[in-house]
Amino acid sequence: MKIPTYLVRMQKIAQQVALMQYLSFLYWHSTALPLSLGLTFFLLAGLLSCDNLGRYGVNAIGVNVTPIRELKPQQDDTATVYIQGKVERQVPLLKRHLYQINDFTGKIWVITNQTGLKQGEKVMIKGKIHYQSIPLAGKDFGEVYLEEN
């Protein structure tokens, strides 16, 4: 029995379409899946490495962190700022603690109720800026400090 020519052509076209579908299936699974896994890996690695975004700008929890060099005495004691840096020194007081925090822009003393902060530990502290004037020989040797809320 002889198969008509148009059926032979249709069968070849069907085989070619099936082959193209199979190749596209293999291509998608060989490139798209590893690609999506790779993108997921880099996204997670990027998020986990975001100790803060922009060094001391907006950190991972979305808080505007103020560089210490920008802290100035303010008339308004209601302004709250966030600072971030490493603990350099600590001084225990009667009911509170005094820590010197250092970021790459400067240092500031922080009065807080927190205990147990270790030297070299990275911290983020929310507080109000204060200024203590220390006049000596006609000059003001005052200092800005932060009181934690």
N, C-alpha and C. Protein backbone atom coordinates (compact mmCIF):
# COMPACT_ATOMS: atom_id res chain seq x y z
N MET A 1 0.83 -1.16 0.00
CA MET A 1 0.00 0.00 0.00
C MET A 1 0.89 1.24 0.00
N LYS A 2 0.58 2.13 -0.90
CA LYS A 2 1.37 3.33 -1.07
C LYS A 2 0.66 4.49 -0.36
N ILE A 3 1.46 5.25 0.45
CA ILE A 3 0.92 6.41 1.18
C ILE A 3 0.98 7.61 0.25
N PRO A 4 -0.11 8.38 0.18
CA PRO A 4 -0.10 9.56 -0.70
C PRO A 4 0.99 10.56 -0.26
N THR A 5 1.49 11.30 -1.21
CA THR A 5 2.60 12.23 -1.01
C THR A 5 2.27 13.31 0.03
N TYR A 6 1.09 13.84 0.00
CA TYR A 6 0.74 14.90 0.95
C TYR A 6 0.74 14.38 2.38
N LEU A 7 0.37 13.09 2.59
CA LEU A 7 0.42 12.52 3.94
C LEU A 7 1.85 12.34 4.42
N VAL A 8 2.74 12.00 3.51
CA VAL A 8 4.17 11.87 3.86
C VAL A 8 4.70 13.24 4.28
N ARG A 9 4.34 14.26 3.52
CA ARG A 9 4.78 15.62 3.87
C ARG A 9 4.21 16.05 5.22
N MET A 10 2.96 15.76 5.45
CA MET A 10 2.31 16.12 6.72
C MET A 10 2.99 15.39 7.89
N GLN A 11 3.36 14.14 7.65
CA GLN A 11 4.01 13.37 8.70
C GLN A 11 5.39 13.97 9.01
N LYS A 12 6.14 14.37 7.98
CA LYS A 12 7.45 14.99 8.19
C LYS A 12 7.31 16.33 8.94
N ILE A 13 6.32 17.11 8.57
CA ILE A 13 6.09 18.39 9.26
C ILE A 13 5.72 18.14 10.72
N ALA A 14 4.90 17.14 10.97
CA ALA A 14 4.52 16.82 12.35
C ALA A 14 5.73 16.37 13.15
N GLN A 15 6.62 15.61 12.52
CA GLN A 15 7.84 15.18 13.20
C GLN A 15 8.74 16.38 13.50
N GLN A 16 8.85 17.30 12.55
CA GLN A 16 9.68 18.48 12.75
C GLN A 16 9.11 19.36 13.88
N VAL A 17 7.79 19.52 13.92
CA VAL A 17 7.15 20.31 14.98
C VAL A 17 7.39 19.64 16.34
N ALA A 18 7.24 18.33 16.38
CA ALA A 18 7.47 17.60 17.62
C ALA A 18 8.92 17.76 18.07
N LEU A 19 9.86 17.68 17.11
CA LEU A 19 11.28 17.85 17.42
C LEU A 19 11.54 19.26 17.95
N MET A 20 10.93 20.28 17.32
CA MET A 20 11.10 21.67 17.78
C MET A 20 10.53 21.85 19.18
N GLN A 21 9.40 21.25 19.45
CA GLN A 21 8.81 21.35 20.79
C GLN A 21 9.72 20.68 21.82
N TYR A 22 10.25 19.52 21.46
CA TYR A 22 11.15 18.81 22.38
C TYR A 22 12.41 19.63 22.63
N LEU A 23 12.98 20.21 21.56
CA LEU A 23 14.19 21.02 21.71
C LEU A 23 13.92 22.28 22.54
N SER A 24 12.77 22.91 22.34
CA SER A 24 12.45 24.09 23.14
C SER A 24 12.24 23.71 24.60
N PHE A 25 11.64 22.55 24.85
CA PHE A 25 11.49 22.05 26.22
C PHE A 25 12.86 21.85 26.87
N LEU A 26 13.77 21.20 26.13
CA LEU A 26 15.12 20.98 26.66
C LEU A 26 15.84 22.31 26.88
N TYR A 27 15.69 23.23 25.93
CA TYR A 27 16.35 24.52 26.05
C TYR A 27 15.84 25.28 27.28
N TRP A 28 14.55 25.29 27.48
CA TRP A 28 13.98 26.02 28.61
C TRP A 28 14.48 25.43 29.92
N HIS A 29 14.46 24.10 30.02
CA HIS A 29 14.91 23.47 31.26
C HIS A 29 16.41 23.52 31.44
N SER A 30 17.16 23.64 30.37
CA SER A 30 18.61 23.70 30.52
C SER A 30 19.11 25.11 30.75
N THR A 31 18.36 26.14 30.36
CA THR A 31 18.83 27.51 30.54
C THR A 31 17.97 28.32 31.49
N ALA A 32 16.66 28.22 31.37
CA ALA A 32 15.79 29.07 32.18
C ALA A 32 15.82 28.67 33.65
N LEU A 33 15.81 27.39 33.92
CA LEU A 33 15.82 26.95 35.31
C LEU A 33 17.12 27.34 36.01
N PRO A 34 18.30 27.03 35.43
CA PRO A 34 19.53 27.49 36.08
C PRO A 34 19.61 29.02 36.14
N LEU A 35 19.09 29.69 35.12
CA LEU A 35 19.10 31.14 35.12
C LEU A 35 18.25 31.68 36.26
N SER A 36 17.05 31.13 36.45
CA SER A 36 16.19 31.61 37.53
C SER A 36 16.79 31.25 38.88
N LEU A 37 17.41 30.08 39.00
CA LEU A 37 18.07 29.72 40.25
C LEU A 37 19.25 30.66 40.52
N GLY A 38 19.99 30.98 39.47
CA GLY A 38 21.12 31.90 39.62
C GLY A 38 20.66 33.29 40.05
N LEU A 39 19.60 33.78 39.42
CA LEU A 39 19.07 35.09 39.80
C LEU A 39 18.56 35.09 41.23
N THR A 40 17.90 34.00 41.63
CA THR A 40 17.42 33.89 43.00
C THR A 40 18.58 33.90 43.98
N PHE A 41 19.64 33.17 43.66
CA PHE A 41 20.82 33.13 44.52
C PHE A 41 21.41 34.53 44.68
N PHE A 42 21.61 35.25 43.57
CA PHE A 42 22.20 36.58 43.66
C PHE A 42 21.29 37.56 44.40
N LEU A 43 19.99 37.43 44.24
CA LEU A 43 19.06 38.29 44.96
C LEU A 43 19.16 38.04 46.46
N LEU A 44 19.14 36.77 46.85
CA LEU A 44 19.27 36.44 48.28
C LEU A 44 20.62 36.85 48.83
N ALA A 45 21.68 36.61 48.08
CA ALA A 45 23.02 37.00 48.54
C ALA A 45 23.09 38.52 48.69
N GLY A 46 22.50 39.24 47.77
CA GLY A 46 22.50 40.70 47.87
C GLY A 46 21.73 41.19 49.08
N LEU A 47 20.58 40.61 49.33
CA LEU A 47 19.78 41.03 50.48
C LEU A 47 20.46 40.69 51.80
N LEU A 48 21.06 39.51 51.86
CA LEU A 48 21.71 39.11 53.10
C LEU A 48 22.98 39.89 53.36
N SER A 49 23.62 40.39 52.31
CA SER A 49 24.85 41.14 52.51
C SER A 49 24.57 42.61 52.76
N CYS A 50 23.33 43.03 52.72
CA CYS A 50 22.97 44.43 52.92
C CYS A 50 22.95 44.75 54.40
N ASP A 51 24.14 44.86 54.99
CA ASP A 51 24.21 45.30 56.37
C ASP A 51 23.58 46.68 56.44
N ASN A 52 23.92 47.47 55.50
CA ASN A 52 23.23 48.72 55.27
C ASN A 52 23.47 49.10 53.83
N LEU A 53 22.58 49.83 53.25
CA LEU A 53 22.71 50.21 51.87
C LEU A 53 23.35 51.57 51.80
N GLY A 54 24.42 51.66 51.05
CA GLY A 54 25.08 52.94 50.94
C GLY A 54 25.89 53.28 52.18
N ARG A 55 26.55 52.34 52.73
CA ARG A 55 27.42 52.47 53.90
C ARG A 55 26.65 52.98 55.12
N TYR A 56 26.36 54.25 55.22
CA TYR A 56 25.60 54.77 56.36
C TYR A 56 24.47 55.67 55.88
N GLY A 57 23.80 55.28 54.83
CA GLY A 57 22.65 56.01 54.31
C GLY A 57 21.39 55.35 54.80
N VAL A 58 20.72 54.64 53.93
CA VAL A 58 19.52 53.90 54.32
C VAL A 58 19.95 52.48 54.57
N ASN A 59 19.67 51.97 55.75
CA ASN A 59 20.10 50.60 56.03
C ASN A 59 19.02 49.61 55.65
N ALA A 60 19.27 48.35 55.96
CA ALA A 60 18.39 47.29 55.49
C ALA A 60 16.97 47.37 56.04
N ILE A 61 16.78 47.98 57.20
CA ILE A 61 15.43 48.06 57.73
C ILE A 61 14.72 49.34 57.32
N GLY A 62 15.36 50.14 56.48
CA GLY A 62 14.70 51.30 55.91
C GLY A 62 14.74 52.55 56.75
N VAL A 63 15.68 52.65 57.67
CA VAL A 63 15.78 53.82 58.54
C VAL A 63 16.88 54.74 57.99
N ASN A 64 16.62 56.03 57.99
CA ASN A 64 17.64 56.99 57.59
C ASN A 64 18.65 57.15 58.71
N VAL A 65 19.86 56.71 58.46
CA VAL A 65 20.93 56.78 59.44
C VAL A 65 21.72 58.06 59.16
N THR A 66 21.94 58.84 60.21
CA THR A 66 22.67 60.10 60.08
C THR A 66 24.15 59.87 60.36
N PRO A 67 25.03 60.29 59.45
CA PRO A 67 26.46 60.20 59.75
C PRO A 67 26.79 61.08 60.96
N ILE A 68 27.68 60.62 61.81
CA ILE A 68 27.98 61.33 63.05
C ILE A 68 28.52 62.73 62.78
N ARG A 69 29.29 62.91 61.72
CA ARG A 69 29.84 64.25 61.44
C ARG A 69 28.75 65.29 61.17
N GLU A 70 27.54 64.84 60.79
CA GLU A 70 26.45 65.76 60.50
C GLU A 70 25.62 66.12 61.73
N LEU A 71 25.92 65.52 62.87
CA LEU A 71 25.15 65.83 64.09
C LEU A 71 25.64 67.15 64.66
N LYS A 72 24.74 68.09 64.77
CA LYS A 72 25.04 69.44 65.27
C LYS A 72 24.10 69.75 66.43
N PRO A 73 24.51 70.65 67.32
CA PRO A 73 23.58 71.07 68.38
C PRO A 73 22.31 71.63 67.77
N GLN A 74 21.16 71.25 68.34
CA GLN A 74 19.90 71.70 67.78
C GLN A 74 19.08 72.40 68.85
N GLN A 75 18.31 73.38 68.41
CA GLN A 75 17.41 74.09 69.31
C GLN A 75 16.24 73.18 69.70
N ASP A 76 15.85 72.32 68.77
CA ASP A 76 14.68 71.47 68.95
C ASP A 76 15.09 70.13 69.56
N ASP A 77 14.73 69.91 70.83
CA ASP A 77 15.08 68.67 71.51
C ASP A 77 14.14 67.52 71.16
N THR A 78 13.18 67.75 70.27
CA THR A 78 12.25 66.68 69.91
C THR A 78 12.72 65.91 68.68
N ALA A 79 13.78 66.40 68.01
CA ALA A 79 14.28 65.73 66.81
C ALA A 79 14.97 64.42 67.20
N THR A 80 14.55 63.34 66.54
CA THR A 80 15.12 62.03 66.78
C THR A 80 15.97 61.63 65.59
N VAL A 81 17.14 61.09 65.86
CA VAL A 81 18.03 60.64 64.80
C VAL A 81 18.45 59.19 65.07
N TYR A 82 18.90 58.54 64.02
CA TYR A 82 19.46 57.21 64.12
C TYR A 82 20.94 57.30 63.76
N ILE A 83 21.78 56.68 64.57
CA ILE A 83 23.19 56.59 64.23
C ILE A 83 23.56 55.11 64.20
N GLN A 84 24.62 54.82 63.47
CA GLN A 84 25.08 53.44 63.36
C GLN A 84 26.59 53.46 63.35
N GLY A 85 27.19 52.57 64.11
CA GLY A 85 28.64 52.49 64.14
C GLY A 85 29.08 51.39 65.09
N LYS A 86 30.36 51.43 65.43
CA LYS A 86 30.94 50.44 66.32
C LYS A 86 31.20 51.05 67.69
N VAL A 87 31.00 50.23 68.71
CA VAL A 87 31.28 50.67 70.08
C VAL A 87 32.79 50.73 70.24
N GLU A 88 33.29 51.91 70.68
CA GLU A 88 34.72 52.07 70.90
C GLU A 88 35.09 52.02 72.37
N ARG A 89 34.30 52.71 73.18
CA ARG A 89 34.57 52.76 74.62
C ARG A 89 33.25 52.65 75.36
N GLN A 90 33.35 52.30 76.65
CA GLN A 90 32.16 52.28 77.48
C GLN A 90 32.51 52.74 78.89
N VAL A 91 31.55 53.44 79.47
CA VAL A 91 31.71 53.95 80.84
C VAL A 91 30.42 53.61 81.59
N PRO A 92 30.50 52.78 82.62
CA PRO A 92 29.29 52.49 83.40
C PRO A 92 28.97 53.66 84.32
N LEU A 93 27.72 54.08 84.33
CA LEU A 93 27.25 55.12 85.24
C LEU A 93 26.38 54.45 86.30
N LEU A 94 25.79 55.22 87.21
CA LEU A 94 24.99 54.60 88.26
C LEU A 94 23.82 53.77 87.72
N LYS A 95 22.94 54.39 86.92
CA LYS A 95 21.78 53.68 86.41
C LYS A 95 21.80 53.54 84.90
N ARG A 96 22.77 54.09 84.25
CA ARG A 96 22.84 54.08 82.79
C ARG A 96 24.25 53.73 82.35
N HIS A 97 24.44 53.68 81.05
CA HIS A 97 25.77 53.44 80.47
C HIS A 97 26.08 54.52 79.45
N LEU A 98 27.35 54.78 79.29
CA LEU A 98 27.84 55.76 78.33
C LEU A 98 28.75 55.02 77.36
N TYR A 99 28.41 55.08 76.07
CA TYR A 99 29.20 54.40 75.04
C TYR A 99 29.68 55.42 74.02
N GLN A 100 30.92 55.24 73.58
CA GLN A 100 31.40 56.06 72.48
C GLN A 100 31.23 55.25 71.20
N ILE A 101 30.45 55.81 70.27
CA ILE A 101 30.16 55.15 69.01
C ILE A 101 30.96 55.84 67.91
N ASN A 102 31.55 55.02 67.03
CA ASN A 102 32.38 55.54 65.96
C ASN A 102 31.90 54.98 64.63
N ASP A 103 31.55 55.88 63.72
CA ASP A 103 31.35 55.43 62.34
C ASP A 103 32.54 55.99 61.55
N PHE A 104 32.57 55.80 60.29
CA PHE A 104 33.74 56.24 59.53
C PHE A 104 33.81 57.77 59.41
N THR A 105 32.79 58.51 59.91
CA THR A 105 32.79 59.97 59.80
C THR A 105 33.13 60.68 61.10
N GLY A 106 33.06 60.01 62.23
CA GLY A 106 33.35 60.65 63.50
C GLY A 106 32.94 59.79 64.69
N LYS A 107 33.01 60.42 65.88
CA LYS A 107 32.67 59.73 67.12
C LYS A 107 31.67 60.56 67.90
N ILE A 108 30.85 59.86 68.70
CA ILE A 108 29.89 60.55 69.55
C ILE A 108 29.65 59.68 70.79
N TRP A 109 29.40 60.35 71.92
CA TRP A 109 29.03 59.65 73.14
C TRP A 109 27.53 59.46 73.18
N VAL A 110 27.10 58.30 73.64
CA VAL A 110 25.68 57.97 73.71
C VAL A 110 25.36 57.54 75.13
N ILE A 111 24.31 58.16 75.71
CA ILE A 111 23.83 57.76 77.03
C ILE A 111 22.63 56.84 76.80
N THR A 112 22.68 55.66 77.45
CA THR A 112 21.64 54.66 77.20
C THR A 112 21.41 53.78 78.42
N ASN A 113 20.28 53.09 78.41
CA ASN A 113 20.00 52.09 79.44
C ASN A 113 20.49 50.71 79.03
N GLN A 114 20.94 50.58 77.79
CA GLN A 114 21.41 49.28 77.30
C GLN A 114 22.67 48.86 78.05
N THR A 115 22.73 47.60 78.35
CA THR A 115 23.93 47.05 78.99
C THR A 115 24.47 45.94 78.12
N GLY A 116 25.71 45.65 78.30
CA GLY A 116 26.29 44.50 77.61
C GLY A 116 26.77 44.75 76.20
N LEU A 117 26.81 45.99 75.75
CA LEU A 117 27.38 46.24 74.43
C LEU A 117 28.89 46.08 74.53
N LYS A 118 29.46 45.32 73.64
CA LYS A 118 30.88 44.99 73.67
C LYS A 118 31.66 45.91 72.74
N GLN A 119 32.92 46.12 73.07
CA GLN A 119 33.79 46.92 72.24
C GLN A 119 33.93 46.25 70.87
N GLY A 120 33.79 47.03 69.80
CA GLY A 120 33.87 46.52 68.44
C GLY A 120 32.53 46.06 67.87
N GLU A 121 31.50 45.99 68.70
CA GLU A 121 30.17 45.55 68.25
C GLU A 121 29.50 46.64 67.43
N LYS A 122 28.85 46.25 66.32
CA LYS A 122 28.10 47.20 65.50
C LYS A 122 26.74 47.41 66.11
N VAL A 123 26.34 48.67 66.25
CA VAL A 123 25.05 49.00 66.86
C VAL A 123 24.35 50.07 66.05
N MET A 124 23.03 50.12 66.21
CA MET A 124 22.22 51.21 65.69
C MET A 124 21.44 51.75 66.87
N ILE A 125 21.51 53.06 67.06
CA ILE A 125 20.87 53.67 68.21
C ILE A 125 20.01 54.83 67.75
N LYS A 126 18.82 54.91 68.34
CA LYS A 126 17.87 55.98 68.07
C LYS A 126 17.87 56.89 69.30
N GLY A 127 18.03 58.19 69.07
CA GLY A 127 18.06 59.09 70.21
C GLY A 127 17.91 60.54 69.83
N LYS A 128 17.99 61.37 70.84
CA LYS A 128 17.88 62.82 70.67
C LYS A 128 19.26 63.46 70.86
N ILE A 129 19.52 64.46 70.05
CA ILE A 129 20.80 65.16 70.10
C ILE A 129 20.76 66.21 71.21
N HIS A 130 21.82 66.26 72.00
CA HIS A 130 21.96 67.27 73.04
C HIS A 130 23.35 67.88 72.94
N TYR A 131 23.51 69.03 73.56
CA TYR A 131 24.81 69.72 73.57
C TYR A 131 25.11 70.15 74.99
N GLN A 132 26.30 69.82 75.46
CA GLN A 132 26.74 70.24 76.78
C GLN A 132 27.86 71.27 76.62
N SER A 133 27.60 72.49 77.06
CA SER A 133 28.59 73.55 76.96
C SER A 133 29.61 73.42 78.09
N ILE A 134 30.89 73.56 77.75
CA ILE A 134 31.97 73.54 78.74
C ILE A 134 32.85 74.75 78.47
N PRO A 135 32.54 75.88 79.12
CA PRO A 135 33.36 77.09 78.89
C PRO A 135 34.64 77.06 79.72
N LEU A 136 35.77 77.27 79.06
CA LEU A 136 37.07 77.34 79.73
C LEU A 136 37.88 78.47 79.11
N ALA A 137 38.34 79.39 79.95
CA ALA A 137 39.19 80.50 79.52
C ALA A 137 38.58 81.25 78.34
N GLY A 138 37.27 81.50 78.42
CA GLY A 138 36.60 82.28 77.39
C GLY A 138 36.27 81.50 76.12
N LYS A 139 36.59 80.21 76.09
CA LYS A 139 36.28 79.39 74.92
C LYS A 139 35.30 78.30 75.31
N ASP A 140 34.52 77.87 74.33
CA ASP A 140 33.54 76.81 74.57
C ASP A 140 34.09 75.49 74.04
N PHE A 141 34.30 74.55 74.96
CA PHE A 141 34.78 73.23 74.59
C PHE A 141 33.66 72.20 74.72
N GLY A 142 32.44 72.65 74.41
CA GLY A 142 31.28 71.78 74.55
C GLY A 142 31.29 70.63 73.57
N GLU A 143 30.39 69.70 73.83
CA GLU A 143 30.34 68.51 72.98
C GLU A 143 28.89 68.07 72.75
N VAL A 144 28.66 67.58 71.56
CA VAL A 144 27.36 67.02 71.19
C VAL A 144 27.33 65.57 71.67
N TYR A 145 26.20 65.15 72.24
CA TYR A 145 26.02 63.75 72.62
C TYR A 145 24.60 63.33 72.28
N LEU A 146 24.36 62.05 72.35
CA LEU A 146 23.06 61.49 71.99
C LEU A 146 22.49 60.78 73.21
N GLU A 147 21.22 61.05 73.49
CA GLU A 147 20.54 60.35 74.56
C GLU A 147 19.51 59.42 73.93
N GLU A 148 19.68 58.12 74.19
CA GLU A 148 18.80 57.14 73.57
C GLU A 148 17.39 57.28 74.09
N ASN A 149 16.42 57.12 73.18
CA ASN A 149 14.99 57.17 73.55
C ASN A 149 14.59 55.91 74.23
